[in-house]
Amino acid sequence: MDERIKVHEKSRGESINVYIGEYAGRKYLHIREWYLDKDQEEKPTKKGVAIPVEKVEELREAIDKLLPRP
């Protein structure tokens, strides 16, 4: 994982983060909840989704349909 972008700050040290990860030789866009552990280190949870990067354009188109720009 090269870069992680925090897109939403939740309560109690939780946040929603977006980043690119790799699993079994494939790259995925992760939209995942993170938390602060007892040592105040940020760690990912299982709460979230992993979308193959080749499907990201379809996700972008869906978001544009749901949230059209003025």
N, C-alpha and C. Protein backbone atom coordinates (compact mmCIF):
# COMPACT_ATOMS: atom_id res chain seq x y z
N MET A 1 0.86 -1.17 0.00
CA MET A 1 0.00 0.00 0.00
C MET A 1 0.90 1.23 0.00
N ASP A 2 0.76 2.06 -1.02
CA ASP A 2 1.60 3.24 -1.14
C ASP A 2 1.01 4.45 -0.43
N GLU A 3 -0.25 4.72 -0.68
CA GLU A 3 -0.88 5.91 -0.13
C GLU A 3 -2.27 5.56 0.36
N ARG A 4 -2.60 6.10 1.53
CA ARG A 4 -3.93 5.91 2.09
C ARG A 4 -4.52 7.30 2.32
N ILE A 5 -5.75 7.50 1.85
CA ILE A 5 -6.40 8.80 1.96
C ILE A 5 -7.59 8.67 2.91
N LYS A 6 -7.58 9.47 3.96
CA LYS A 6 -8.68 9.49 4.93
C LYS A 6 -9.77 10.38 4.33
N VAL A 7 -10.97 9.80 4.12
CA VAL A 7 -12.05 10.56 3.50
C VAL A 7 -13.16 10.92 4.47
N HIS A 8 -13.19 10.27 5.63
CA HIS A 8 -14.24 10.57 6.61
C HIS A 8 -13.75 10.20 8.01
N GLU A 9 -13.85 11.15 8.91
CA GLU A 9 -13.47 10.95 10.31
C GLU A 9 -14.72 10.58 11.09
N LYS A 10 -14.72 9.39 11.69
CA LYS A 10 -15.86 8.96 12.50
C LYS A 10 -15.54 9.24 13.96
N SER A 11 -16.31 8.70 14.86
CA SER A 11 -16.06 8.91 16.28
C SER A 11 -15.13 7.84 16.85
N ARG A 12 -14.63 8.08 18.02
CA ARG A 12 -13.81 7.12 18.77
C ARG A 12 -12.58 6.64 18.00
N GLY A 13 -11.96 7.52 17.24
CA GLY A 13 -10.73 7.15 16.53
C GLY A 13 -10.94 6.31 15.29
N GLU A 14 -12.18 6.21 14.81
CA GLU A 14 -12.45 5.45 13.60
C GLU A 14 -12.50 6.39 12.40
N SER A 15 -12.11 5.87 11.24
CA SER A 15 -12.15 6.67 10.03
C SER A 15 -12.38 5.76 8.82
N ILE A 16 -12.83 6.38 7.72
CA ILE A 16 -12.99 5.68 6.45
C ILE A 16 -11.81 6.10 5.57
N ASN A 17 -11.12 5.10 5.03
CA ASN A 17 -9.93 5.37 4.22
C ASN A 17 -10.05 4.69 2.86
N VAL A 18 -9.42 5.29 1.88
CA VAL A 18 -9.38 4.75 0.52
C VAL A 18 -7.91 4.53 0.16
N TYR A 19 -7.61 3.38 -0.41
CA TYR A 19 -6.24 3.08 -0.81
C TYR A 19 -6.22 1.92 -1.80
N ILE A 20 -5.10 1.76 -2.46
CA ILE A 20 -4.90 0.65 -3.40
C ILE A 20 -4.09 -0.42 -2.69
N GLY A 21 -4.55 -1.64 -2.77
CA GLY A 21 -3.84 -2.78 -2.18
C GLY A 21 -3.74 -3.89 -3.20
N GLU A 22 -2.92 -4.87 -2.89
CA GLU A 22 -2.74 -6.00 -3.80
C GLU A 22 -2.98 -7.29 -3.05
N TYR A 23 -3.67 -8.22 -3.71
CA TYR A 23 -3.93 -9.54 -3.14
C TYR A 23 -3.89 -10.55 -4.26
N ALA A 24 -3.14 -11.60 -4.07
CA ALA A 24 -3.02 -12.69 -5.06
C ALA A 24 -2.67 -12.15 -6.44
N GLY A 25 -1.79 -11.15 -6.47
CA GLY A 25 -1.32 -10.61 -7.73
C GLY A 25 -2.26 -9.64 -8.42
N ARG A 26 -3.39 -9.32 -7.80
CA ARG A 26 -4.35 -8.36 -8.37
C ARG A 26 -4.42 -7.12 -7.51
N LYS A 27 -4.62 -5.97 -8.15
CA LYS A 27 -4.74 -4.71 -7.43
C LYS A 27 -6.22 -4.40 -7.18
N TYR A 28 -6.49 -3.86 -5.99
CA TYR A 28 -7.85 -3.53 -5.58
C TYR A 28 -7.89 -2.12 -5.01
N LEU A 29 -9.01 -1.44 -5.24
CA LEU A 29 -9.30 -0.19 -4.56
C LEU A 29 -10.07 -0.57 -3.29
N HIS A 30 -9.53 -0.22 -2.14
CA HIS A 30 -10.17 -0.51 -0.86
C HIS A 30 -10.85 0.75 -0.34
N ILE A 31 -12.07 0.59 0.12
CA ILE A 31 -12.79 1.61 0.86
C ILE A 31 -13.10 0.92 2.19
N ARG A 32 -12.35 1.29 3.22
CA ARG A 32 -12.36 0.49 4.44
C ARG A 32 -12.35 1.35 5.70
N GLU A 33 -12.98 0.82 6.75
CA GLU A 33 -12.96 1.47 8.06
C GLU A 33 -11.65 1.09 8.77
N TRP A 34 -11.02 2.09 9.40
CA TRP A 34 -9.81 1.90 10.19
C TRP A 34 -10.10 2.32 11.62
N TYR A 35 -9.29 1.85 12.55
CA TYR A 35 -9.45 2.20 13.95
C TYR A 35 -8.08 2.41 14.59
N LEU A 36 -8.08 3.03 15.77
CA LEU A 36 -6.85 3.19 16.54
C LEU A 36 -6.77 2.05 17.55
N ASP A 37 -5.64 1.32 17.55
CA ASP A 37 -5.48 0.24 18.52
C ASP A 37 -5.03 0.82 19.86
N LYS A 38 -4.75 -0.04 20.83
CA LYS A 38 -4.40 0.43 22.18
C LYS A 38 -3.12 1.25 22.21
N ASP A 39 -2.26 1.09 21.20
CA ASP A 39 -1.02 1.88 21.10
C ASP A 39 -1.20 3.11 20.21
N GLN A 40 -2.45 3.42 19.89
CA GLN A 40 -2.80 4.56 19.04
C GLN A 40 -2.25 4.42 17.61
N GLU A 41 -2.09 3.19 17.15
CA GLU A 41 -1.66 2.92 15.77
C GLU A 41 -2.91 2.62 14.94
N GLU A 42 -2.99 3.23 13.75
CA GLU A 42 -4.15 2.99 12.88
C GLU A 42 -4.04 1.62 12.23
N LYS A 43 -5.17 0.89 12.24
CA LYS A 43 -5.22 -0.44 11.66
C LYS A 43 -6.53 -0.61 10.90
N PRO A 44 -6.52 -1.40 9.81
CA PRO A 44 -7.76 -1.62 9.04
C PRO A 44 -8.66 -2.64 9.73
N THR A 45 -9.96 -2.51 9.47
CA THR A 45 -10.93 -3.51 9.93
C THR A 45 -11.39 -4.33 8.73
N LYS A 46 -12.25 -5.29 8.98
CA LYS A 46 -12.85 -6.07 7.89
C LYS A 46 -14.04 -5.34 7.28
N LYS A 47 -14.45 -4.23 7.91
CA LYS A 47 -15.61 -3.46 7.42
C LYS A 47 -15.19 -2.62 6.22
N GLY A 48 -15.68 -2.98 5.06
CA GLY A 48 -15.36 -2.23 3.86
C GLY A 48 -15.49 -3.09 2.61
N VAL A 49 -15.05 -2.53 1.51
CA VAL A 49 -15.10 -3.24 0.24
C VAL A 49 -13.77 -3.14 -0.48
N ALA A 50 -13.50 -4.13 -1.31
CA ALA A 50 -12.33 -4.14 -2.17
C ALA A 50 -12.82 -4.34 -3.59
N ILE A 51 -12.54 -3.37 -4.45
CA ILE A 51 -13.03 -3.39 -5.83
C ILE A 51 -11.84 -3.56 -6.76
N PRO A 52 -11.86 -4.55 -7.66
CA PRO A 52 -10.75 -4.68 -8.60
C PRO A 52 -10.53 -3.37 -9.37
N VAL A 53 -9.28 -2.97 -9.53
CA VAL A 53 -9.01 -1.67 -10.16
C VAL A 53 -9.60 -1.58 -11.56
N GLU A 54 -9.76 -2.70 -12.24
CA GLU A 54 -10.34 -2.63 -13.58
C GLU A 54 -11.83 -2.31 -13.55
N LYS A 55 -12.45 -2.34 -12.38
CA LYS A 55 -13.87 -1.99 -12.22
C LYS A 55 -14.06 -0.57 -11.67
N VAL A 56 -12.98 0.15 -11.39
CA VAL A 56 -13.08 1.47 -10.78
C VAL A 56 -13.81 2.46 -11.69
N GLU A 57 -13.62 2.37 -12.99
CA GLU A 57 -14.31 3.28 -13.91
C GLU A 57 -15.81 3.09 -13.82
N GLU A 58 -16.28 1.84 -13.68
CA GLU A 58 -17.71 1.58 -13.51
C GLU A 58 -18.22 2.18 -12.21
N LEU A 59 -17.43 2.11 -11.15
CA LEU A 59 -17.79 2.73 -9.88
C LEU A 59 -17.88 4.24 -10.04
N ARG A 60 -16.92 4.83 -10.73
CA ARG A 60 -16.92 6.28 -10.97
C ARG A 60 -18.18 6.70 -11.74
N GLU A 61 -18.56 5.93 -12.76
CA GLU A 61 -19.75 6.23 -13.55
C GLU A 61 -21.01 6.13 -12.68
N ALA A 62 -21.05 5.12 -11.80
CA ALA A 62 -22.20 4.97 -10.91
C ALA A 62 -22.31 6.14 -9.95
N ILE A 63 -21.18 6.59 -9.41
CA ILE A 63 -21.19 7.74 -8.51
C ILE A 63 -21.65 9.00 -9.26
N ASP A 64 -21.18 9.17 -10.48
CA ASP A 64 -21.60 10.33 -11.28
C ASP A 64 -23.10 10.32 -11.55
N LYS A 65 -23.69 9.12 -11.75
CA LYS A 65 -25.14 9.02 -11.95
C LYS A 65 -25.90 9.37 -10.67
N LEU A 66 -25.36 8.94 -9.54
CA LEU A 66 -26.03 9.20 -8.27
C LEU A 66 -25.84 10.63 -7.79
N LEU A 67 -24.68 11.22 -8.08
CA LEU A 67 -24.35 12.56 -7.64
C LEU A 67 -23.91 13.41 -8.82
N PRO A 68 -24.84 13.75 -9.71
CA PRO A 68 -24.44 14.54 -10.88
C PRO A 68 -23.90 15.90 -10.46
N ARG A 69 -22.95 16.38 -11.23
CA ARG A 69 -22.36 17.70 -10.97
C ARG A 69 -23.20 18.76 -11.65
N PRO A 70 -23.32 19.93 -11.00
CA PRO A 70 -24.15 21.01 -11.60
C PRO A 70 -23.52 21.57 -12.87
